[in-house]
Amino acid sequence: MLQRFKKIDGVIVVVLLMLMAISILSIYSVTHGRKDDGLHIQMIKWYGVGFVAFFGLSLFDYRLLVKYAHYIYIMGVGILVVVSFVGKVKNGARGWLEVGGLSLQPAELFKLILILALAALLVRKNKGELLFWRDVVPLSLVALLPFAIVIIQNDLGNALSYMVILVGLLWIGRMKWSHALIGLIIFGGAIFGFIYSYINYHEQMTNFLSETIGRKHFVARFDPWLVPELASSDDSYQTRNAKIAIASGGLSGEGYMKGGSVQSGKIPVLYTDAIFAQIAEEFGFVGAALLLLLFFILIHRMIMIALECQERAGPFLIIGIVAMLLYQIFENIGAYIGLMPLTGITLPFISYGGTSIVINMASMGIAMSVLLYGRDVEEDLPAPAVYF
């Protein structure tokens, strides 16, 4: 055990500590002296739990998680179903469970569960290309079930993350080029058709979303993104002010705890998914670029771990985690510079949120476990056969 502990990637640990420092400082900057004062202390506690999860899972053989992934998946789906009936509503989405005074978001947890489940199924496949009906369709159904449940809960951001994870694992699992091209055409056509229809037939689309299928919450997300001139002042308030904050940061920023927009309270609940606006305004392009560099180093190290792994499940897990993190980074930052709709996705390791921090740290623990155990010869692994 001690020998394995010494092999933990020090660069990843240092990057995680730096991200923790940025997160705590950023949260303190936008909450000090206000009703949310003290959240940085709570964030320190969550990071403490996160590092316990990180080191605990680093020393735990990830292959056992893959072996029993079908049980974990079934349990996870069951929790999502329970949330649909008794979950607490926040920001228009029914996605939180109150447990012992703590507010937990199972949809966040399920991202990691889905990665385990898809990796377990891919391990069973032959090393050739994936067949459509035998492989692609079953894998897609495994992801579409939680996707549908979470969409019903009005949580678009986490639901879309499941699809990104699926696509990433289908790609690394050797999906046929022809199937990938067909999927790209269908997906691209659907996205283009939706955007075109939303812009040119705005009234009909908003009536359909808000009245026919009861997703008025989605209209508040899409209007500021696609038709900002038609969006209500309430719907565009957060993204509009966040863009102003990001733009005003310039090259080096306005200074720590001196951001004009973020310190004046113009951006609601800034410490959650809008925390990038604080970093960009107070530390400027330099600070934002440094943050992105840390993310790049983290992802690069994980990809190197996947390339060095001697066992089949490890790379699948790594790519699933990378896809999850890349989606969250792109969606979160993109939403506040006008590239993506606002979905409430947190910025990994930076935004306030206990469930998000613990799950992301646990994901890094699994990635580290692949480094520590993934070089063992495959004959010594637990039997990977998993049946859904």
Foldseek 3Di string as FASTA:
>chain_A
DVVLLVVFDPLLVVLLVVLLVQQLLLLCLQPPPHPNHPLSVVSVVLVVLQVCLQQVLLPPQCLVCLQCLVVVLVVLLVVLVVQLPPADDDLQFSAWDQDPNDTAGSLLVVLLSLLSPLLLLLQPDDLAADDCPVGLVVNVVSLVSSLVSRVSRVQNLSSVLSVLLSVLLNVVSHHDPVVVVVVCVVVVVVVVVVLVCCQPVVVVVCCCCCPVVNNNSVVLQVCCQRPVVPHDCVSCQQLVLLLVLLVQQAAAAPARSRRPSSRVCSHPPCQALVSVSSQCHHGNPVSNVVNVVSVVVNLVVLVVLLVQFQGRSLVSLSSSLSSSLVSLQCQSVCCNNSNHTDRRRGNQSRGDDSNRPNSNSSSSSNSSNSNSPRRPHPVPRDDSDDDD
